Amino acid sequence: MTTTMSTTLVTGCAGFIGMHCAQRLLARGEQVVGIDNLNAYYDVALKQARLQRLQAHAGFTFEPIDVANRAAMRALFERVRPTRVLHLAAQAGVRYSIDQPDDYTDSNLLGFGNILQGCRTQQVQHLVYASSSSVYGGNTKLPFSERDAVDHPVSYYAATKKANEVMAHTYAHLYGTPTTGLRFFTVYGPWGRPDMALFKFTRAMLAGEPIDIYGHGQLVRDFTYIDDIVEGVLRVLDKPATPDATYDPAAPHPGTSSAPYRIFNIGNSSPTVLMDYVAALESALGITARKNMLPIQPGDMHSTAADTSALAAWVGFTPATPVQEGVARFVDWYKDFYQP
């Protein structure tokens, strides 16, 4: 297909964040071309159900393409000529990256290189891509700030996301491609990922099974509700990265540049102990969980917390949905989807 009007390319459109963002773009009346390889990392039926929601919109076109397929991606960019790219396709998951690093090399490194090349050749107005709070790795200074060094990742997944940021910087610097990386902090909500704690806990508790709680329940996460993520993503997408006039190469700010390059945290600024998250779920389900307390897993971070002042200054928005409210909305969706 050849498009003449403004088109946004959304990669990973059958994913959790991808579907929600594409839905909002379509609701605004935009043309969206979505791609996804619909891989079997988790339940493909859930991905297809998400995709069906998008296919109900006249402005949506789907192409089953893997971002790591260089020839297919080159042809896609030439055919679609997107105005903007929202790159959310990736091999996700910290723990899986320990056992299957090759999948991350393919999707997150080769795939991202193909995205950058497409943006360069088609002179895309703005590339917004998913980074991750995991890039902060072993850092213990909280909350995490974009000013912090992120040179000590503790999982291969995190290393690929850090790599995306520096790859994006070179394209911003060399070719003037405006790029913005968003470091997502533990996103949850309706249509979420089955490999994430909330999904696994809900399924187990409804089945009367015990739940595995790592780090003996003391891990801290800045759980961020999906609607807040989408609002932040769209506001950032609408404001292409620009060079930072105050950038000083003698004292470089890691989150900005003399090139059109920006990095932002997007989190709830409300770090929550895992046991409090479980308590919110117990309340929403009306079930007391049987808990298996286990040690922290390899690759896991002990605590995350987002300083979102840079995002607020850039787009005037700060996520703020309380965990109790977000978890209750997830439970409503889960029961409706799996137990109608």
Protein backbone atom coordinates (compact mmCIF):
# COMPACT_ATOMS: atom_id res chain seq x y z
CA MET A 1 0.00 0.00 0.00
CA THR A 2 1.14 3.54 -0.65
CA THR A 3 -0.01 6.21 1.74
CA THR A 4 -0.09 9.92 1.03
CA MET A 5 -1.48 11.22 4.31
CA SER A 6 0.36 11.14 7.62
CA THR A 7 0.93 7.56 8.77
CA THR A 8 2.30 6.23 12.04
CA LEU A 9 4.09 2.87 11.94
CA VAL A 10 3.56 0.95 15.20
CA THR A 11 5.79 -2.08 15.67
CA GLY A 12 4.68 -4.73 18.14
CA CYS A 13 1.07 -3.68 17.57
CA ALA A 14 -0.31 -6.98 18.92
CA GLY A 15 1.66 -6.50 22.11
CA PHE A 16 0.37 -5.05 25.38
CA ILE A 17 1.61 -1.46 25.05
CA GLY A 18 1.50 -1.55 21.24
CA MET A 19 -2.21 -2.37 21.06
CA HIS A 20 -3.18 0.31 23.55
CA CYS A 21 -1.11 3.00 21.80
CA ALA A 22 -2.39 2.03 18.35
CA GLN A 23 -5.97 2.15 19.65
CA ARG A 24 -5.51 5.69 20.91
CA LEU A 25 -3.90 6.82 17.65
CA LEU A 26 -6.78 5.31 15.66
CA ALA A 27 -9.33 6.93 17.98
CA ARG A 28 -7.69 10.26 17.10
CA GLY A 29 -8.41 9.54 13.45
CA GLU A 30 -4.85 8.73 12.44
CA GLN A 31 -3.68 6.19 9.86
CA VAL A 32 -1.79 3.37 11.57
CA VAL A 33 0.22 0.61 9.96
CA GLY A 34 0.93 -2.08 12.54
CA ILE A 35 3.46 -4.88 12.33
CA ASP A 36 3.99 -7.85 14.63
CA ASN A 37 5.52 -11.30 14.21
CA LEU A 38 2.95 -12.82 16.60
CA ASN A 39 5.64 -15.02 18.14
CA ALA A 40 4.89 -17.70 20.72
CA TYR A 41 6.81 -16.16 23.66
CA TYR A 42 3.37 -16.03 25.27
CA ASP A 43 -0.20 -16.98 24.29
CA VAL A 44 -0.68 -16.12 20.62
CA ALA A 45 -4.47 -16.18 21.07
CA LEU A 46 -4.19 -13.15 23.38
CA LYS A 47 -2.12 -11.32 20.75
CA GLN A 48 -4.68 -12.16 18.08
CA ALA A 49 -7.51 -10.93 20.31
CA ARG A 50 -5.67 -7.62 20.74
CA LEU A 51 -5.12 -7.42 17.00
CA GLN A 52 -8.82 -7.94 16.32
CA ARG A 53 -9.59 -4.83 18.34
CA LEU A 54 -7.35 -2.81 16.03
CA GLN A 55 -8.66 -4.41 12.85
CA ALA A 56 -12.12 -3.03 13.64
CA HIS A 57 -10.77 0.42 12.67
CA ALA A 58 -10.83 1.53 9.02
CA GLY A 59 -7.57 3.46 9.49
CA PHE A 60 -5.60 0.36 10.52
CA THR A 61 -3.49 -1.89 8.30
CA PHE A 62 -1.68 -4.96 9.64
CA GLU A 63 1.40 -6.61 8.19
CA PRO A 64 2.85 -9.78 9.78
CA ILE A 65 6.52 -8.83 9.68
CA ASP A 66 9.44 -9.57 12.01
CA VAL A 67 11.53 -6.45 12.67
CA ALA A 68 14.67 -8.61 12.40
CA ASN A 69 13.87 -9.37 8.72
CA ARG A 70 16.01 -6.74 6.98
CA ALA A 71 14.60 -7.16 3.46
CA ALA A 72 10.98 -7.13 4.66
CA MET A 73 11.59 -4.06 6.81
CA ARG A 74 13.30 -2.17 4.00
CA ALA A 75 10.38 -2.94 1.67
CA LEU A 76 7.87 -1.94 4.36
CA PHE A 77 9.46 1.48 4.89
CA GLU A 78 9.61 2.10 1.14
CA ARG A 79 5.96 1.11 0.73
CA VAL A 80 4.45 2.86 3.76
CA ARG A 81 6.75 5.90 4.02
CA PRO A 82 5.66 6.54 7.62
CA THR A 83 5.66 10.05 9.02
CA ARG A 84 6.42 8.75 12.51
CA VAL A 85 7.49 5.46 14.00
CA LEU A 86 6.49 4.09 17.40
CA HIS A 87 8.80 1.13 17.95
CA LEU A 88 7.44 -1.18 20.64
CA ALA A 89 8.38 -4.56 19.14
CA ALA A 90 11.01 -6.35 21.18
CA GLN A 91 11.77 -9.62 22.82
CA ALA A 92 10.64 -8.74 26.33
CA GLY A 93 11.34 -10.28 29.71
CA VAL A 94 14.38 -10.20 31.98
CA ARG A 95 14.37 -13.85 33.08
CA TYR A 96 13.86 -15.31 29.58
CA SER A 97 16.92 -13.36 28.38
CA ILE A 98 19.13 -15.42 30.66
CA ASP A 99 18.18 -18.66 28.87
CA GLN A 100 17.47 -17.41 25.34
CA PRO A 101 19.81 -14.47 24.60
CA ASP A 102 19.78 -15.11 20.83
CA ASP A 103 16.14 -14.01 20.61
CA TYR A 104 17.12 -10.68 22.14
CA THR A 105 20.06 -10.22 19.80
CA ASP A 106 17.75 -10.75 16.81
CA SER A 107 14.75 -8.64 17.85
CA ASN A 108 16.31 -5.97 20.00
CA LEU A 109 19.62 -5.34 18.23
CA LEU A 110 19.22 -6.43 14.59
CA GLY A 111 15.57 -5.37 14.64
CA PHE A 112 16.35 -1.95 16.06
CA GLY A 113 19.09 -1.46 13.47
CA ASN A 114 16.51 -2.12 10.75
CA ILE A 115 14.15 0.44 12.33
CA LEU A 116 16.89 3.08 12.44
CA GLN A 117 17.82 2.47 8.81
CA GLY A 118 14.18 2.75 7.75
CA CYS A 119 13.78 6.01 9.66
CA ARG A 120 16.94 7.39 8.11
CA THR A 121 16.12 6.47 4.52
CA GLN A 122 12.52 7.70 4.70
CA GLN A 123 13.41 10.81 6.73
CA VAL A 124 10.89 9.97 9.44
CA GLN A 125 9.90 13.02 11.51
CA HIS A 126 10.17 11.23 14.87
CA LEU A 127 11.17 7.80 16.14
CA VAL A 128 9.87 6.97 19.63
CA TYR A 129 11.09 3.63 20.98
CA ALA A 130 10.72 1.53 24.10
CA SER A 131 13.66 1.48 26.44
CA SER A 132 13.29 0.12 29.97
CA SER A 133 13.82 0.91 33.63
CA SER A 134 16.02 -2.20 33.62
CA VAL A 135 18.84 -0.13 32.07
CA TYR A 136 19.49 1.23 35.59
CA GLY A 137 20.76 -2.23 36.50
CA GLY A 138 22.65 -2.36 39.76
CA ASN A 139 22.15 1.34 40.57
CA THR A 140 20.98 1.94 44.14
CA LYS A 141 20.46 5.72 44.13
CA LEU A 142 16.69 6.22 44.06
CA PRO A 143 14.70 7.51 42.35
CA PHE A 144 16.38 6.74 39.05
CA SER A 145 17.13 9.85 36.97
CA GLU A 146 18.02 10.22 33.31
CA ARG A 147 21.12 12.05 34.60
CA ASP A 148 22.40 8.80 36.16
CA ALA A 149 25.00 6.64 34.45
CA VAL A 150 23.48 3.38 33.18
CA ASP A 151 26.60 1.35 32.49
CA HIS A 152 26.00 -1.71 34.66
CA PRO A 153 23.00 -3.71 33.41
CA VAL A 154 22.30 -6.96 35.27
CA SER A 155 20.43 -8.77 32.47
CA TYR A 156 21.06 -9.22 28.76
CA TYR A 157 17.60 -7.76 28.10
CA ALA A 158 18.67 -4.55 29.86
CA ALA A 159 21.91 -4.49 27.87
CA THR A 160 19.96 -4.60 24.60
CA LYS A 161 17.80 -1.67 25.71
CA LYS A 162 20.85 0.37 26.69
CA ALA A 163 22.31 -0.51 23.29
CA ASN A 164 19.15 0.83 21.60
CA GLU A 165 19.66 4.19 23.30
CA VAL A 166 23.23 4.61 22.10
CA MET A 167 22.39 3.30 18.61
CA ALA A 168 19.60 5.90 18.42
CA HIS A 169 22.01 8.63 19.47
CA THR A 170 24.34 7.91 16.57
CA TYR A 171 21.48 8.22 14.07
CA ALA A 172 20.32 11.46 15.69
CA HIS A 173 23.89 12.78 15.57
CA LEU A 174 24.93 11.59 12.11
CA TYR A 175 21.69 11.86 10.15
CA GLY A 176 19.52 14.25 12.19
CA THR A 177 16.87 11.58 12.86
CA PRO A 178 14.83 12.80 15.88
CA THR A 179 14.74 9.94 18.41
CA THR A 180 13.15 9.64 21.85
CA GLY A 181 13.64 6.63 24.12
CA LEU A 182 11.13 5.93 26.88
CA ARG A 183 12.27 3.98 29.91
CA PHE A 184 9.08 2.18 30.94
CA PHE A 185 8.69 1.21 34.59
CA THR A 186 6.80 -2.10 35.21
CA VAL A 187 3.70 -1.53 33.09
CA TYR A 188 0.48 -3.32 34.06
CA GLY A 189 -3.24 -3.23 33.30
CA PRO A 190 -5.94 -4.76 31.06
CA TRP A 191 -4.69 -6.83 28.11
CA GLY A 192 -1.34 -7.19 29.91
CA ARG A 193 1.40 -9.77 29.45
CA PRO A 194 0.87 -13.29 30.85
CA ASP A 195 4.55 -13.52 31.86
CA MET A 196 4.18 -10.58 34.26
CA ALA A 197 3.49 -11.02 37.99
CA LEU A 198 -0.04 -9.57 38.06
CA PHE A 199 -1.26 -11.92 35.33
CA LYS A 200 0.43 -14.97 36.84
CA PHE A 201 -0.81 -14.18 40.36
CA THR A 202 -4.40 -13.61 39.21
CA ARG A 203 -4.51 -16.85 37.23
CA ALA A 204 -3.04 -18.86 40.12
CA MET A 205 -5.26 -17.33 42.82
CA LEU A 206 -8.45 -17.90 40.83
CA ALA A 207 -7.36 -21.53 40.33
CA GLY A 208 -6.71 -21.94 44.07
CA GLU A 209 -2.98 -22.37 43.49
CA PRO A 210 -0.15 -20.77 45.48
CA ILE A 211 1.82 -17.85 44.04
CA ASP A 212 5.61 -17.60 43.84
CA ILE A 213 6.90 -14.38 45.38
CA TYR A 214 10.53 -13.62 44.67
CA GLY A 215 12.85 -11.57 46.85
CA HIS A 216 10.78 -12.73 49.83
CA GLY A 217 8.21 -10.08 48.97
CA GLN A 218 10.59 -7.19 49.62
CA LEU A 219 11.27 -6.21 45.99
CA VAL A 220 10.10 -2.69 45.11
CA ARG A 221 8.66 -1.70 41.72
CA ASP A 222 7.31 1.56 40.33
CA PHE A 223 4.17 -0.09 38.87
CA THR A 224 2.79 2.11 36.09
CA TYR A 225 -0.76 1.79 34.75
CA ILE A 226 -1.17 1.27 31.01
CA ASP A 227 -3.41 4.32 30.41
CA ASP A 228 -0.73 6.57 31.91
CA ILE A 229 1.91 4.96 29.71
CA VAL A 230 -0.20 5.55 26.58
CA GLU A 231 -0.85 9.19 27.48
CA GLY A 232 2.87 9.77 27.99
CA VAL A 233 3.83 7.95 24.80
CA LEU A 234 1.40 9.91 22.63
CA ARG A 235 2.42 13.26 24.08
CA VAL A 236 6.07 12.43 23.44
CA LEU A 237 5.31 11.16 19.93
CA ASP A 238 3.62 14.48 19.17
CA LYS A 239 6.72 16.42 20.24
CA PRO A 240 9.77 15.37 18.21
CA ALA A 241 13.10 15.36 19.99
CA THR A 242 15.22 18.48 19.54
CA PRO A 243 18.82 19.31 20.39
CA ASP A 244 19.29 20.53 23.96
CA ALA A 245 20.53 24.12 23.78
CA THR A 246 22.02 23.76 27.28
CA TYR A 247 23.90 20.54 26.50
CA ASP A 248 27.53 20.79 27.65
CA PRO A 249 29.97 18.24 26.19
CA ALA A 250 32.35 19.02 29.05
CA ALA A 251 29.70 17.76 31.49
CA PRO A 252 27.40 15.64 29.29
CA HIS A 253 23.81 14.97 30.35
CA PRO A 254 23.10 11.31 29.45
CA GLY A 255 19.44 12.02 28.64
CA THR A 256 19.91 14.83 26.10
CA SER A 257 22.39 15.83 23.40
CA SER A 258 23.52 18.41 20.90
CA ALA A 259 21.65 16.10 18.48
CA PRO A 260 17.82 15.67 18.36
CA TYR A 261 17.89 12.96 21.02
CA ARG A 262 15.94 12.58 24.25
CA ILE A 263 15.53 9.92 26.93
CA PHE A 264 12.71 9.98 29.46
CA ASN A 265 11.64 7.87 32.40
CA ILE A 266 7.94 7.07 32.36
CA GLY A 267 6.87 5.64 35.70
CA ASN A 268 4.38 6.23 38.49
CA SER A 269 6.81 7.93 40.92
CA SER A 270 5.21 5.75 43.61
CA PRO A 271 7.44 2.74 44.31
CA THR A 272 5.45 -0.12 45.81
CA VAL A 273 6.67 -3.10 47.83
CA LEU A 274 5.65 -6.31 46.07
CA MET A 275 3.60 -7.46 49.08
CA ASP A 276 1.49 -4.30 48.86
CA TYR A 277 0.86 -5.07 45.18
CA VAL A 278 -0.26 -8.56 46.20
CA ALA A 279 -2.51 -7.05 48.88
CA ALA A 280 -4.18 -4.86 46.24
CA LEU A 281 -4.80 -7.98 44.15
CA GLU A 282 -6.15 -9.92 47.15
CA SER A 283 -8.55 -7.05 47.80
CA ALA A 284 -9.71 -6.88 44.18
CA LEU A 285 -10.26 -10.65 43.95
CA GLY A 286 -11.59 -11.16 47.47
CA ILE A 287 -9.10 -14.03 47.84
CA THR A 288 -6.18 -14.43 50.25
CA ALA A 289 -3.20 -15.79 48.35
CA ARG A 290 -1.16 -18.75 49.48
CA LYS A 291 2.39 -17.50 49.12
CA ASN A 292 5.64 -19.30 48.31
CA MET A 293 8.40 -16.95 49.45
CA LEU A 294 11.47 -17.39 47.27
CA PRO A 295 14.87 -15.66 46.90
CA ILE A 296 15.51 -12.96 44.31
CA GLN A 297 15.98 -14.32 40.78
CA PRO A 298 19.14 -13.88 38.68
CA GLY A 299 18.88 -10.72 36.59
CA ASP A 300 16.27 -9.11 38.85
CA MET A 301 16.71 -5.62 40.28
CA HIS A 302 15.86 -5.11 43.95
CA SER A 303 14.12 -1.75 43.58
CA THR A 304 12.97 0.65 40.89
CA ALA A 305 11.59 4.15 41.23
CA ALA A 306 11.20 6.79 38.54
CA ASP A 307 12.11 10.46 38.67
CA THR A 308 9.68 11.75 36.03
CA SER A 309 10.44 15.47 36.34
CA ALA A 310 12.07 15.55 32.87
CA LEU A 311 8.98 14.03 31.24
CA ALA A 312 6.71 16.46 33.09
CA ALA A 313 8.81 19.42 31.95
CA TRP A 314 8.80 18.17 28.33
CA VAL A 315 5.13 17.23 27.85
CA GLY A 316 3.31 18.42 30.99
CA PHE A 317 2.24 14.95 32.13
CA THR A 318 3.05 12.68 35.07
CA PRO A 319 1.60 9.18 35.56
CA ALA A 320 -0.36 8.93 38.82
CA THR A 321 -2.90 6.05 38.78
CA PRO A 322 -2.93 4.43 42.25
CA VAL A 323 -1.97 0.74 42.25
CA GLN A 324 -5.20 -0.28 44.00
CA GLU A 325 -7.27 1.33 41.24
CA GLY A 326 -5.17 -0.07 38.39
CA VAL A 327 -5.13 -3.60 39.81
CA ALA A 328 -8.92 -3.55 40.26
CA ARG A 329 -9.32 -2.55 36.59
CA PHE A 330 -7.03 -5.38 35.53
CA VAL A 331 -9.06 -7.90 37.54
CA ASP A 332 -12.30 -6.67 35.94
CA TRP A 333 -10.78 -7.15 32.49
CA TYR A 334 -9.30 -10.56 33.34
CA LYS A 335 -12.60 -11.93 34.60
CA ASP A 336 -14.44 -10.54 31.59
CA PHE A 337 -11.89 -11.97 29.12
CA TYR A 338 -11.24 -15.38 30.66
CA GLN A 339 -14.43 -16.08 32.64
CA PRO A 340 -17.31 -14.48 30.70
